[in-house]
Structure formats: structure tokens, C-alpha cells
Amino acid sequence: MPLIMMTGFPSSGKSTRAAELKQLFEERLSQPENQHRKHTVHIISDTTLGVPHSAYAHASEEKNARSALLSAVERLVTREHIVIADTPNYIKGLRYQLYCTAREEGTTHCVVYCALPVDAARQINQMRGSDGYADNVFDELTMRYEEPNSATRWDSPLFTIIQNDPNDKLPFDSIWDAIVERRAPPPTFSTAVKPAEETNYQFELDRATQDVITAILDSQKSGVPMSYVVVPGSSEKVNMPGRNLTLSELRRLRMQFSKLNRQAPLQVGQIAESFVNYLNIN
């Protein structure tokens, strides 16, 4: 059954909405007309994963947190479960990978965006005291936040809730109709691993990913520590993990990315940026 990705600034009310969603799903599933739906509802959060807020202050710990989330989602996303990912999900690369996981299982997904002005979220975060994020972590997460875009397949269907508008309620009926009543789409494109049919696309995929790897390796030759690397064909930067990346690591990640995307789901001009996003979450 479906995967629901919560997203929004820290302290924007994602966990409150996730709990509300879980309750509404359980109530709807208990109704007589839905007795045939033998599904359970799960919330995956930093709390359930044992991830402290401080993990987002360190690239290596944040990477481990993302890996824990992806592993948990992969275990739970089946046709018998409704999974609510109540984690920051603040970068589009992570939402893309979660989307791929749902599609590989042949189930539906959606994104619930808890929209709140950054100053309001900061005030709430400060009121939470020790339960909130440290100021520097809050600022870093909000600065790097990538707002969902309904024009992209991994952020659609997108349901936006204006959190500081008391009249803006959770659109549960629309969420139910979109991800429960809708027939799950078959695995396609990047999530369906099939032999490449377009030789030219495979060439462009190989070329763009190799250009990214070459740019990373060339930058590392200077011996100067760097927090990011600018690569050709991408407006996104490669976030460096505080050490040099080895050629074997980069080749392994390139092979994984190519396997996911060999069916040509990407526009040629988007390949490099998509690969950079993939590197940043892996």
C-alpha cells in the first residue's frame, strides 16, 4: 500500500499531521465498507529510527540517518502496509529515492507539504527548548530545504497544508482517493530495470555520469579539503563527506544510478543533476 512522504521546515508540524493522518486512515479502514482492506498504518520517524536532531549537524551522521530511513521504508512498503515517512525529507534527491522504492513495489505514493514561514517555524522550534533543533542545525536545514514541486513525478500527487492558516485542514479525502482508491501504477522507467532500448540515451547517460566523476576526481587532486564540488551540467553541487571519494566508490554509485535509469526516464539535460542528487543521498 501507499507511501506518504511528509516534508516541510523543522518544527513546521509534520509529526502532528502524520499522527492525524494515521488516526484518520485507521478510522477509515475500520469502517464496514473497508473491512476487506487488511492493512496496517506505520509511521517512520527520526524518533522510531533513533536519530537525534544533532545528526543533521554532521554529513556522515546525516547520511547514516538517510540510510536508516530508506532501509525501514524498503522493509515496510508492501501492499499490506500504509507507510508515513515522518522525517525531514527536505532534499528532492531523497524524495526521489523514496518514490523509486514505492514504484519498485508497485504501489502509490504522495507528498504532504506542511508549509510554514521560516520565522514562524523558528519561533516554534525555540519554544520547544531541548526538544527542538539547535539554532545552527535549524538554520542549515531551512537554508538547504528544497520545496516540493508538483511538476516532478516524485513530488506528485502533492498536498500542501498552510500550517498557519487555521482554516486549512488536512485534505484526507483527497489523499485517500489519490493513493488508496487509485490503481497502483506499474513499475516504469527508472524503477523498472530493463535492457536499454535507446542506444543514444545510454551513451548520454554514460557520458554525463562520467563527466561528473571526472570533475570530482580532478577537484580532489588539488589536495585542498572542500565541502562541495561544482560539476558540469548541474546546478546542484556534490556535497563532499569530509574526505576524498575513491574511484571504486564512484564507479559503484555510477553503476547503481545507471541501472535505475537505463530505461530513459530522464531528459538528457537532467542526467548530471539527477546523478549529483543521487550521490548526495548515498
C-alpha atoms as a PDB file:
ATOM      1  CA  MET A   1       0.000   0.000   0.000  1.00  0.00           C
ATOM      2  CA  PRO A   2       0.968   3.665  -0.245  1.00  0.00           C
ATOM      3  CA  LEU A   3       3.952   5.627   0.901  1.00  0.00           C
ATOM      4  CA  ILE A   4       3.247   9.116   2.229  1.00  0.00           C
ATOM      5  CA  MET A   5       6.218  11.468   2.454  1.00  0.00           C
ATOM      6  CA  MET A   6       5.900  14.328   4.937  1.00  0.00           C
ATOM      7  CA  THR A   7       8.011  17.374   4.168  1.00  0.00           C
ATOM      8  CA  GLY A   8       8.499  20.905   5.451  1.00  0.00           C
ATOM      9  CA  PHE A   9      10.789  23.022   7.597  1.00  0.00           C
ATOM     10  CA  PRO A  10      11.880  21.724  11.017  1.00  0.00           C
ATOM     11  CA  SER A  11       9.126  22.363  13.598  1.00  0.00           C
ATOM     12  CA  SER A  12       6.538  23.005  10.882  1.00  0.00           C
ATOM     13  CA  GLY A  13       4.074  20.497  12.336  1.00  0.00           C
ATOM     14  CA  LYS A  14       4.915  17.439  10.248  1.00  0.00           C
ATOM     15  CA  SER A  15       4.701  14.985  13.149  1.00  0.00           C
ATOM     16  CA  THR A  16       1.341  16.368  14.278  1.00  0.00           C
ATOM     17  CA  ARG A  17      -0.051  15.976  10.769  1.00  0.00           C
ATOM     18  CA  ALA A  18       1.468  12.495  10.448  1.00  0.00           C
ATOM     19  CA  ALA A  19      -0.258  11.381  13.665  1.00  0.00           C
ATOM     20  CA  GLU A  20      -3.517  12.911  12.422  1.00  0.00           C
ATOM     21  CA  LEU A  21      -3.159  11.054   9.128  1.00  0.00           C
ATOM     22  CA  LYS A  22      -2.533   7.749  10.897  1.00  0.00           C
ATOM     23  CA  GLN A  23      -5.653   8.187  13.015  1.00  0.00           C
ATOM     24  CA  LEU A  24      -7.797   9.103  10.007  1.00  0.00           C
ATOM     25  CA  PHE A  25      -6.543   6.125   7.999  1.00  0.00           C
ATOM     26  CA  GLU A  26      -7.227   3.732  10.855  1.00  0.00           C
ATOM     27  CA  GLU A  27     -10.725   5.142  11.319  1.00  0.00           C
ATOM     28  CA  ARG A  28     -11.494   4.870   7.602  1.00  0.00           C
ATOM     29  CA  LEU A  29     -10.090   1.340   7.381  1.00  0.00           C
ATOM     30  CA  SER A  30     -12.272   0.220  10.299  1.00  0.00           C
ATOM     31  CA  GLN A  31     -15.482   1.200   8.514  1.00  0.00           C
ATOM     32  CA  PRO A  32     -17.635  -1.699   7.242  1.00  0.00           C
ATOM     33  CA  GLU A  33     -17.118  -0.873   3.562  1.00  0.00           C
ATOM     34  CA  ASN A  34     -13.361  -1.179   4.059  1.00  0.00           C
ATOM     35  CA  GLN A  35     -13.276  -4.367   6.111  1.00  0.00           C
ATOM     36  CA  HIS A  36     -11.796  -6.173   3.115  1.00  0.00           C
ATOM     37  CA  ARG A  37      -8.740  -3.932   3.272  1.00  0.00           C
ATOM     38  CA  LYS A  38      -6.452  -5.750   5.709  1.00  0.00           C
ATOM     39  CA  HIS A  39      -3.878  -3.019   6.055  1.00  0.00           C
ATOM     40  CA  THR A  40      -1.869  -1.562   8.896  1.00  0.00           C
ATOM     41  CA  VAL A  41      -0.589   2.005   9.176  1.00  0.00           C
ATOM     42  CA  HIS A  42       3.011   2.717  10.171  1.00  0.00           C
ATOM     43  CA  ILE A  43       4.826   5.953  10.965  1.00  0.00           C
ATOM     44  CA  ILE A  44       8.575   6.031  10.392  1.00  0.00           C
ATOM     45  CA  SER A  45      10.233   8.991  12.092  1.00  0.00           C
ATOM     46  CA  ASP A  46      13.609  10.038  13.409  1.00  0.00           C
ATOM     47  CA  THR A  47      12.291   9.041  16.836  1.00  0.00           C
ATOM     48  CA  THR A  48      11.404   5.498  15.763  1.00  0.00           C
ATOM     49  CA  LEU A  49      14.757   5.233  13.969  1.00  0.00           C
ATOM     50  CA  GLY A  50      16.702   6.531  16.968  1.00  0.00           C
ATOM     51  CA  VAL A  51      18.082   9.504  15.028  1.00  0.00           C
ATOM     52  CA  PRO A  52      18.813  12.582  17.194  1.00  0.00           C
ATOM     53  CA  HIS A  53      18.395  16.107  15.841  1.00  0.00           C
ATOM     54  CA  SER A  54      22.145  16.548  16.229  1.00  0.00           C
ATOM     55  CA  ALA A  55      22.706  14.015  13.419  1.00  0.00           C
ATOM     56  CA  TYR A  56      21.852  16.748  10.917  1.00  0.00           C
ATOM     57  CA  ALA A  57      24.869  18.763  12.040  1.00  0.00           C
ATOM     58  CA  HIS A  58      27.293  16.223  10.575  1.00  0.00           C
ATOM     59  CA  ALA A  59      27.304  14.987   6.970  1.00  0.00           C
ATOM     60  CA  SER A  60      28.323  11.432   7.879  1.00  0.00           C
ATOM     61  CA  GLU A  61      25.659  11.073  10.585  1.00  0.00           C
ATOM     62  CA  GLU A  62      23.015  12.568   8.319  1.00  0.00           C
ATOM     63  CA  LYS A  63      23.951  10.074   5.616  1.00  0.00           C
ATOM     64  CA  ASN A  64      23.504   7.248   8.136  1.00  0.00           C
ATOM     65  CA  ALA A  65      20.098   8.675   9.074  1.00  0.00           C
ATOM     66  CA  ARG A  66      19.001   8.669   5.424  1.00  0.00           C
ATOM     67  CA  SER A  67      20.226   5.092   5.015  1.00  0.00           C
ATOM     68  CA  ALA A  68      18.235   4.030   8.080  1.00  0.00           C
ATOM     69  CA  LEU A  69      15.117   5.694   6.660  1.00  0.00           C
ATOM     70  CA  LEU A  70      15.489   4.060   3.258  1.00  0.00           C
ATOM     71  CA  SER A  71      16.059   0.635   4.824  1.00  0.00           C
ATOM     72  CA  ALA A  72      12.975   0.992   7.026  1.00  0.00           C
ATOM     73  CA  VAL A  73      10.810   2.087   4.112  1.00  0.00           C
ATOM     74  CA  GLU A  74      12.067  -0.774   1.945  1.00  0.00           C
ATOM     75  CA  ARG A  75      11.103  -3.246   4.686  1.00  0.00           C
ATOM     76  CA  LEU A  76       7.635  -1.846   5.273  1.00  0.00           C
ATOM     77  CA  VAL A  77       6.393  -0.646   1.896  1.00  0.00           C
ATOM     78  CA  THR A  78       4.288  -3.559   0.719  1.00  0.00           C
ATOM     79  CA  ARG A  79       0.722  -3.942  -0.470  1.00  0.00           C
ATOM     80  CA  GLU A  80      -0.349  -4.652   3.125  1.00  0.00           C
ATOM     81  CA  HIS A  81       1.055  -1.502   4.740  1.00  0.00           C
ATOM     82  CA  ILE A  82       0.422   2.227   4.594  1.00  0.00           C
ATOM     83  CA  VAL A  83       3.708   3.914   5.466  1.00  0.00           C
ATOM     84  CA  ILE A  84       4.004   7.536   6.595  1.00  0.00           C
ATOM     85  CA  ALA A  85       7.600   8.786   6.379  1.00  0.00           C
ATOM     86  CA  ASP A  86       7.626  11.493   9.050  1.00  0.00           C
ATOM     87  CA  THR A  87      11.241  12.532   8.555  1.00  0.00           C
ATOM     88  CA  PRO A  88      12.669  15.829   7.223  1.00  0.00           C
ATOM     89  CA  ASN A  89      12.673  14.684   3.555  1.00  0.00           C
ATOM     90  CA  TYR A  90      13.960  18.142   2.786  1.00  0.00           C
ATOM     91  CA  ILE A  91      16.010  17.414  -0.338  1.00  0.00           C
ATOM     92  CA  LYS A  92      14.469  16.323  -3.605  1.00  0.00           C
ATOM     93  CA  GLY A  93      17.080  13.612  -4.135  1.00  0.00           C
ATOM     94  CA  LEU A  94      15.848  11.741  -1.061  1.00  0.00           C
ATOM     95  CA  ARG A  95      12.206  12.140  -2.054  1.00  0.00           C
ATOM     96  CA  TYR A  96      13.136  10.781  -5.487  1.00  0.00           C
ATOM     97  CA  GLN A  97      14.717   7.689  -3.974  1.00  0.00           C
ATOM     98  CA  LEU A  98      11.703   7.102  -1.716  1.00  0.00           C
ATOM     99  CA  TYR A  99       9.486   7.449  -4.781  1.00  0.00           C
ATOM    100  CA  CYS A 100      11.567   4.815  -6.572  1.00  0.00           C
ATOM    101  CA  THR A 101      11.121   2.446  -3.633  1.00  0.00           C
ATOM    102  CA  ALA A 102       7.337   2.794  -3.825  1.00  0.00           C
ATOM    103  CA  ARG A 103       7.287   2.295  -7.576  1.00  0.00           C
ATOM    104  CA  GLU A 104       9.505  -0.781  -7.355  1.00  0.00           C
ATOM    105  CA  GLU A 105       6.904  -2.277  -5.013  1.00  0.00           C
ATOM    106  CA  GLY A 106       4.169  -1.339  -7.492  1.00  0.00           C
ATOM    107  CA  THR A 107       2.312   0.888  -5.049  1.00  0.00           C
ATOM    108  CA  THR A 108       1.243   4.515  -4.903  1.00  0.00           C
ATOM    109  CA  HIS A 109       2.783   7.488  -3.128  1.00  0.00           C
ATOM    110  CA  CYS A 110       2.135  11.127  -2.348  1.00  0.00           C
ATOM    111  CA  VAL A 111       3.834  14.092  -0.683  1.00  0.00           C
ATOM    112  CA  VAL A 112       2.264  16.131   2.136  1.00  0.00           C
ATOM    113  CA  TYR A 113       3.921  19.540   2.412  1.00  0.00           C
ATOM    114  CA  CYS A 114       3.491  21.321   5.751  1.00  0.00           C
ATOM    115  CA  ALA A 115       4.071  24.903   4.623  1.00  0.00           C
ATOM    116  CA  LEU A 116       5.015  27.414   7.302  1.00  0.00           C
ATOM    117  CA  PRO A 117       7.059  30.645   7.092  1.00  0.00           C
ATOM    118  CA  VAL A 118      10.590  30.105   8.308  1.00  0.00           C
ATOM    119  CA  ASP A 119      10.276  32.724  11.066  1.00  0.00           C
ATOM    120  CA  ALA A 120       7.173  31.013  12.460  1.00  0.00           C
ATOM    121  CA  ALA A 121       8.914  27.625  12.355  1.00  0.00           C
ATOM    122  CA  ARG A 122      11.968  29.115  14.082  1.00  0.00           C
ATOM    123  CA  GLN A 123       9.804  30.545  16.866  1.00  0.00           C
ATOM    124  CA  ILE A 124       8.113  27.184  17.433  1.00  0.00           C
ATOM    125  CA  ASN A 125      11.485  25.438  17.391  1.00  0.00           C
ATOM    126  CA  GLN A 126      12.865  27.789  20.047  1.00  0.00           C
ATOM    127  CA  MET A 127       9.776  27.276  22.213  1.00  0.00           C
ATOM    128  CA  ARG A 128      10.455  23.535  22.186  1.00  0.00           C
ATOM    129  CA  GLY A 129      13.693  24.087  24.081  1.00  0.00           C
ATOM    130  CA  SER A 130      15.836  20.970  24.322  1.00  0.00           C
ATOM    131  CA  ASP A 131      13.304  19.028  22.236  1.00  0.00           C
ATOM    132  CA  GLY A 132      13.926  21.309  19.261  1.00  0.00           C
ATOM    133  CA  TYR A 133      16.822  21.605  16.854  1.00  0.00           C
ATOM    134  CA  ALA A 134      19.932  23.575  17.767  1.00  0.00           C
ATOM    135  CA  ASP A 135      19.821  27.007  16.124  1.00  0.00           C
ATOM    136  CA  ASN A 136      22.686  26.223  13.748  1.00  0.00           C
ATOM    137  CA  VAL A 137      21.073  22.936  12.670  1.00  0.00           C
ATOM    138  CA  PHE A 138      17.698  24.629  12.165  1.00  0.00           C
ATOM    139  CA  ASP A 139      19.290  27.344  10.032  1.00  0.00           C
ATOM    140  CA  GLU A 140      21.242  24.811   7.974  1.00  0.00           C
ATOM    141  CA  LEU A 141      18.181  22.653   7.272  1.00  0.00           C
ATOM    142  CA  THR A 142      15.977  25.581   6.299  1.00  0.00           C
ATOM    143  CA  MET A 143      18.681  27.040   4.071  1.00  0.00           C
ATOM    144  CA  ARG A 144      19.105  23.734   2.219  1.00  0.00           C
ATOM    145  CA  TYR A 145      15.383  22.955   2.054  1.00  0.00           C
ATOM    146  CA  GLU A 146      14.109  22.133  -1.438  1.00  0.00           C
ATOM    147  CA  GLU A 147      10.399  22.863  -1.713  1.00  0.00           C
ATOM    148  CA  PRO A 148       8.403  20.110  -3.430  1.00  0.00           C
ATOM    149  CA  ASN A 149       7.289  20.695  -6.999  1.00  0.00           C
ATOM    150  CA  SER A 150       4.120  19.017  -8.251  1.00  0.00           C
ATOM    151  CA  ALA A 151       5.510  19.089 -11.800  1.00  0.00           C
ATOM    152  CA  THR A 152       8.011  16.351 -10.883  1.00  0.00           C
ATOM    153  CA  ARG A 153       6.809  12.777 -10.690  1.00  0.00           C
ATOM    154  CA  TRP A 154       8.385  12.107  -7.287  1.00  0.00           C
ATOM    155  CA  ASP A 155       6.623  15.100  -5.680  1.00  0.00           C
ATOM    156  CA  SER A 156       3.239  14.324  -7.210  1.00  0.00           C
ATOM    157  CA  PRO A 157       0.488  13.990  -6.067  1.00  0.00           C
ATOM    158  CA  LEU A 158       1.354  16.924  -3.794  1.00  0.00           C
ATOM    159  CA  PHE A 159      -0.895  18.099  -0.963  1.00  0.00           C
ATOM    160  CA  THR A 160       0.076  21.433   0.587  1.00  0.00           C
ATOM    161  CA  ILE A 161      -1.217  22.492   4.001  1.00  0.00           C
ATOM    162  CA  ILE A 162      -0.766  26.125   5.071  1.00  0.00           C
ATOM    163  CA  GLN A 163       0.083  25.464   8.683  1.00  0.00           C
ATOM    164  CA  ASN A 164      -0.510  28.991   9.999  1.00  0.00           C
ATOM    165  CA  ASP A 165      -3.997  29.124   8.458  1.00  0.00           C
ATOM    166  CA  PRO A 166      -6.452  27.613  10.981  1.00  0.00           C
ATOM    167  CA  ASN A 167      -8.971  27.050   8.193  1.00  0.00           C
ATOM    168  CA  ASP A 168      -6.600  24.936   6.101  1.00  0.00           C
ATOM    169  CA  LYS A 169      -7.402  21.367   7.091  1.00  0.00           C
ATOM    170  CA  LEU A 170      -5.691  18.122   6.185  1.00  0.00           C
ATOM    171  CA  PRO A 171      -7.260  17.065   2.830  1.00  0.00           C
ATOM    172  CA  PHE A 172      -7.714  13.475   3.918  1.00  0.00           C
ATOM    173  CA  ASP A 173     -10.451  12.554   1.435  1.00  0.00           C
ATOM    174  CA  SER A 174      -8.265  13.715  -1.448  1.00  0.00           C
ATOM    175  CA  ILE A 175      -5.257  11.830  -0.077  1.00  0.00           C
ATOM    176  CA  TRP A 176      -7.351   8.666   0.329  1.00  0.00           C
ATOM    177  CA  ASP A 177      -8.730   8.949  -3.203  1.00  0.00           C
ATOM    178  CA  ALA A 178      -5.300   9.590  -4.703  1.00  0.00           C
ATOM    179  CA  ILE A 179      -3.336   6.793  -3.094  1.00  0.00           C
ATOM    180  CA  VAL A 180      -5.822   4.159  -1.902  1.00  0.00           C
ATOM    181  CA  GLU A 181      -8.602   4.203  -4.472  1.00  0.00           C
ATOM    182  CA  ARG A 182      -6.244   4.793  -7.378  1.00  0.00           C
ATOM    183  CA  ARG A 183      -4.834   1.710  -9.020  1.00  0.00           C
ATOM    184  CA  ALA A 184      -1.136   1.423  -8.257  1.00  0.00           C
ATOM    185  CA  PRO A 185       0.942   2.239 -11.339  1.00  0.00           C
ATOM    186  CA  PRO A 186       3.140  -0.488 -12.809  1.00  0.00           C
ATOM    187  CA  PRO A 187       6.887  -0.083 -12.363  1.00  0.00           C
ATOM    188  CA  THR A 188       8.180   2.022 -15.219  1.00  0.00           C
ATOM    189  CA  PHE A 189      11.235   3.859 -16.416  1.00  0.00           C
ATOM    190  CA  SER A 190      13.922   4.202 -13.753  1.00  0.00           C
ATOM    191  CA  THR A 191      12.263   1.815 -11.297  1.00  0.00           C
ATOM    192  CA  ALA A 192      11.780  -0.977 -13.817  1.00  0.00           C
ATOM    193  CA  VAL A 193      15.181  -2.439 -14.590  1.00  0.00           C
ATOM    194  CA  LYS A 194      15.020  -3.479 -18.230  1.00  0.00           C
ATOM    195  CA  PRO A 195      17.540  -3.551 -21.064  1.00  0.00           C
ATOM    196  CA  ALA A 196      18.110  -0.156 -22.639  1.00  0.00           C
ATOM    197  CA  GLU A 197      16.197   0.356 -25.857  1.00  0.00           C
ATOM    198  CA  GLU A 198      17.757   3.630 -26.984  1.00  0.00           C
ATOM    199  CA  THR A 199      21.474   3.417 -27.660  1.00  0.00           C
ATOM    200  CA  ASN A 200      21.794   7.202 -27.836  1.00  0.00           C
ATOM    201  CA  TYR A 201      20.259   7.639 -24.380  1.00  0.00           C
ATOM    202  CA  GLN A 202      22.619   5.050 -22.905  1.00  0.00           C
ATOM    203  CA  PHE A 203      25.530   6.928 -24.456  1.00  0.00           C
ATOM    204  CA  GLU A 204      24.343  10.227 -22.945  1.00  0.00           C
ATOM    205  CA  LEU A 205      23.803   8.547 -19.562  1.00  0.00           C
ATOM    206  CA  ASP A 206      27.340   7.142 -19.590  1.00  0.00           C
ATOM    207  CA  ARG A 207      28.863  10.414 -20.757  1.00  0.00           C
ATOM    208  CA  ALA A 208      27.095  12.663 -18.245  1.00  0.00           C
ATOM    209  CA  THR A 209      27.808  10.434 -15.250  1.00  0.00           C
ATOM    210  CA  GLN A 210      31.444  10.013 -16.269  1.00  0.00           C
ATOM    211  CA  ASP A 211      31.811  13.797 -16.586  1.00  0.00           C
ATOM    212  CA  VAL A 212      30.567  14.180 -13.010  1.00  0.00           C
ATOM    213  CA  ILE A 213      33.025  11.575 -11.713  1.00  0.00           C
ATOM    214  CA  THR A 214      35.899  13.164 -13.625  1.00  0.00           C
ATOM    215  CA  ALA A 215      35.091  16.584 -12.149  1.00  0.00           C
ATOM    216  CA  ILE A 216      35.109  15.147  -8.627  1.00  0.00           C
ATOM    217  CA  LEU A 217      38.405  13.328  -9.091  1.00  0.00           C
ATOM    218  CA  ASP A 218      40.033  16.370 -10.713  1.00  0.00           C
ATOM    219  CA  SER A 219      38.935  18.593  -7.826  1.00  0.00           C
ATOM    220  CA  GLN A 220      40.405  16.168  -5.302  1.00  0.00           C
ATOM    221  CA  LYS A 221      43.819  16.316  -6.983  1.00  0.00           C
ATOM    222  CA  SER A 222      44.412  19.784  -5.538  1.00  0.00           C
ATOM    223  CA  GLY A 223      44.734  18.270  -2.073  1.00  0.00           C
ATOM    224  CA  VAL A 224      42.693  21.144  -0.625  1.00  0.00           C
ATOM    225  CA  PRO A 225      39.762  19.998   1.564  1.00  0.00           C
ATOM    226  CA  MET A 226      36.429  21.128   0.143  1.00  0.00           C
ATOM    227  CA  SER A 227      32.823  20.940   1.258  1.00  0.00           C
ATOM    228  CA  TYR A 228      31.385  20.712  -2.243  1.00  0.00           C
ATOM    229  CA  VAL A 229      32.354  20.270  -5.894  1.00  0.00           C
ATOM    230  CA  VAL A 230      30.834  22.066  -8.867  1.00  0.00           C
ATOM    231  CA  VAL A 231      30.285  19.687 -11.787  1.00  0.00           C
ATOM    232  CA  PRO A 232      29.330  20.268 -15.437  1.00  0.00           C
ATOM    233  CA  GLY A 233      25.690  20.082 -16.473  1.00  0.00           C
ATOM    234  CA  SER A 234      24.273  20.508 -12.968  1.00  0.00           C
ATOM    235  CA  SER A 235      23.098  23.462 -10.918  1.00  0.00           C
ATOM    236  CA  GLU A 236      23.395  21.209  -7.866  1.00  0.00           C
ATOM    237  CA  LYS A 237      26.765  20.745  -6.174  1.00  0.00           C
ATOM    238  CA  VAL A 238      28.264  17.481  -4.953  1.00  0.00           C
ATOM    239  CA  ASN A 239      28.410  17.592  -1.161  1.00  0.00           C
ATOM    240  CA  MET A 240      31.728  16.120  -0.061  1.00  0.00           C
ATOM    241  CA  PRO A 241      31.801  13.837   3.011  1.00  0.00           C
ATOM    242  CA  GLY A 242      34.919  15.381   4.577  1.00  0.00           C
ATOM    243  CA  ARG A 243      37.294  13.013   2.797  1.00  0.00           C
ATOM    244  CA  ASN A 244      38.300  12.087  -0.729  1.00  0.00           C
ATOM    245  CA  LEU A 245      35.944   9.813  -2.619  1.00  0.00           C
ATOM    246  CA  THR A 246      37.655   6.817  -4.199  1.00  0.00           C
ATOM    247  CA  LEU A 247      37.295   5.824  -7.821  1.00  0.00           C
ATOM    248  CA  SER A 248      35.817   2.468  -6.784  1.00  0.00           C
ATOM    249  CA  GLU A 249      33.146   4.193  -4.662  1.00  0.00           C
ATOM    250  CA  LEU A 250      32.190   6.497  -7.502  1.00  0.00           C
ATOM    251  CA  ARG A 251      32.104   3.663 -10.030  1.00  0.00           C
ATOM    252  CA  ARG A 252      29.840   1.609  -7.767  1.00  0.00           C
ATOM    253  CA  LEU A 253      27.409   4.512  -7.323  1.00  0.00           C
ATOM    254  CA  ARG A 254      27.511   5.243 -11.034  1.00  0.00           C
ATOM    255  CA  MET A 255      26.608   1.642 -11.844  1.00  0.00           C
ATOM    256  CA  GLN A 256      23.695   1.729  -9.387  1.00  0.00           C
ATOM    257  CA  PHE A 257      22.392   5.003 -10.821  1.00  0.00           C
ATOM    258  CA  SER A 258      22.734   3.765 -14.398  1.00  0.00           C
ATOM    259  CA  LYS A 259      20.878   0.567 -13.545  1.00  0.00           C
ATOM    260  CA  LEU A 260      17.986   2.584 -12.120  1.00  0.00           C
ATOM    261  CA  ASN A 261      17.828   4.969 -15.068  1.00  0.00           C
ATOM    262  CA  ARG A 262      18.770   2.925 -18.118  1.00  0.00           C
ATOM    263  CA  GLN A 263      15.189   2.922 -19.418  1.00  0.00           C
ATOM    264  CA  ALA A 264      15.465   6.633 -20.289  1.00  0.00           C
ATOM    265  CA  PRO A 265      13.079   8.281 -17.802  1.00  0.00           C
ATOM    266  CA  LEU A 266      15.251  11.394 -17.648  1.00  0.00           C
ATOM    267  CA  GLN A 267      15.656  14.232 -20.068  1.00  0.00           C
ATOM    268  CA  VAL A 268      19.240  14.210 -21.290  1.00  0.00           C
ATOM    269  CA  GLY A 269      19.815  17.647 -19.802  1.00  0.00           C
ATOM    270  CA  GLN A 270      18.716  16.385 -16.366  1.00  0.00           C
ATOM    271  CA  ILE A 271      21.046  13.390 -16.132  1.00  0.00           C
ATOM    272  CA  ALA A 272      24.003  15.137 -14.485  1.00  0.00           C
ATOM    273  CA  GLU A 273      21.870  16.910 -11.890  1.00  0.00           C
ATOM    274  CA  SER A 274      19.960  13.721 -11.073  1.00  0.00           C
ATOM    275  CA  PHE A 275      23.256  11.867 -10.638  1.00  0.00           C
ATOM    276  CA  VAL A 276      24.533  14.604  -8.309  1.00  0.00           C
ATOM    277  CA  ASN A 277      21.369  14.293  -6.211  1.00  0.00           C
ATOM    278  CA  TYR A 278      21.871  10.529  -6.125  1.00  0.00           C
ATOM    279  CA  LEU A 279      25.475  10.937  -4.946  1.00  0.00           C
ATOM    280  CA  ASN A 280      24.407  13.387  -2.247  1.00  0.00           C
ATOM    281  CA  ILE A 281      21.995  10.928  -0.643  1.00  0.00           C
ATOM    282  CA  ASN A 282      24.222   7.887  -0.939  1.00  0.00           C
END
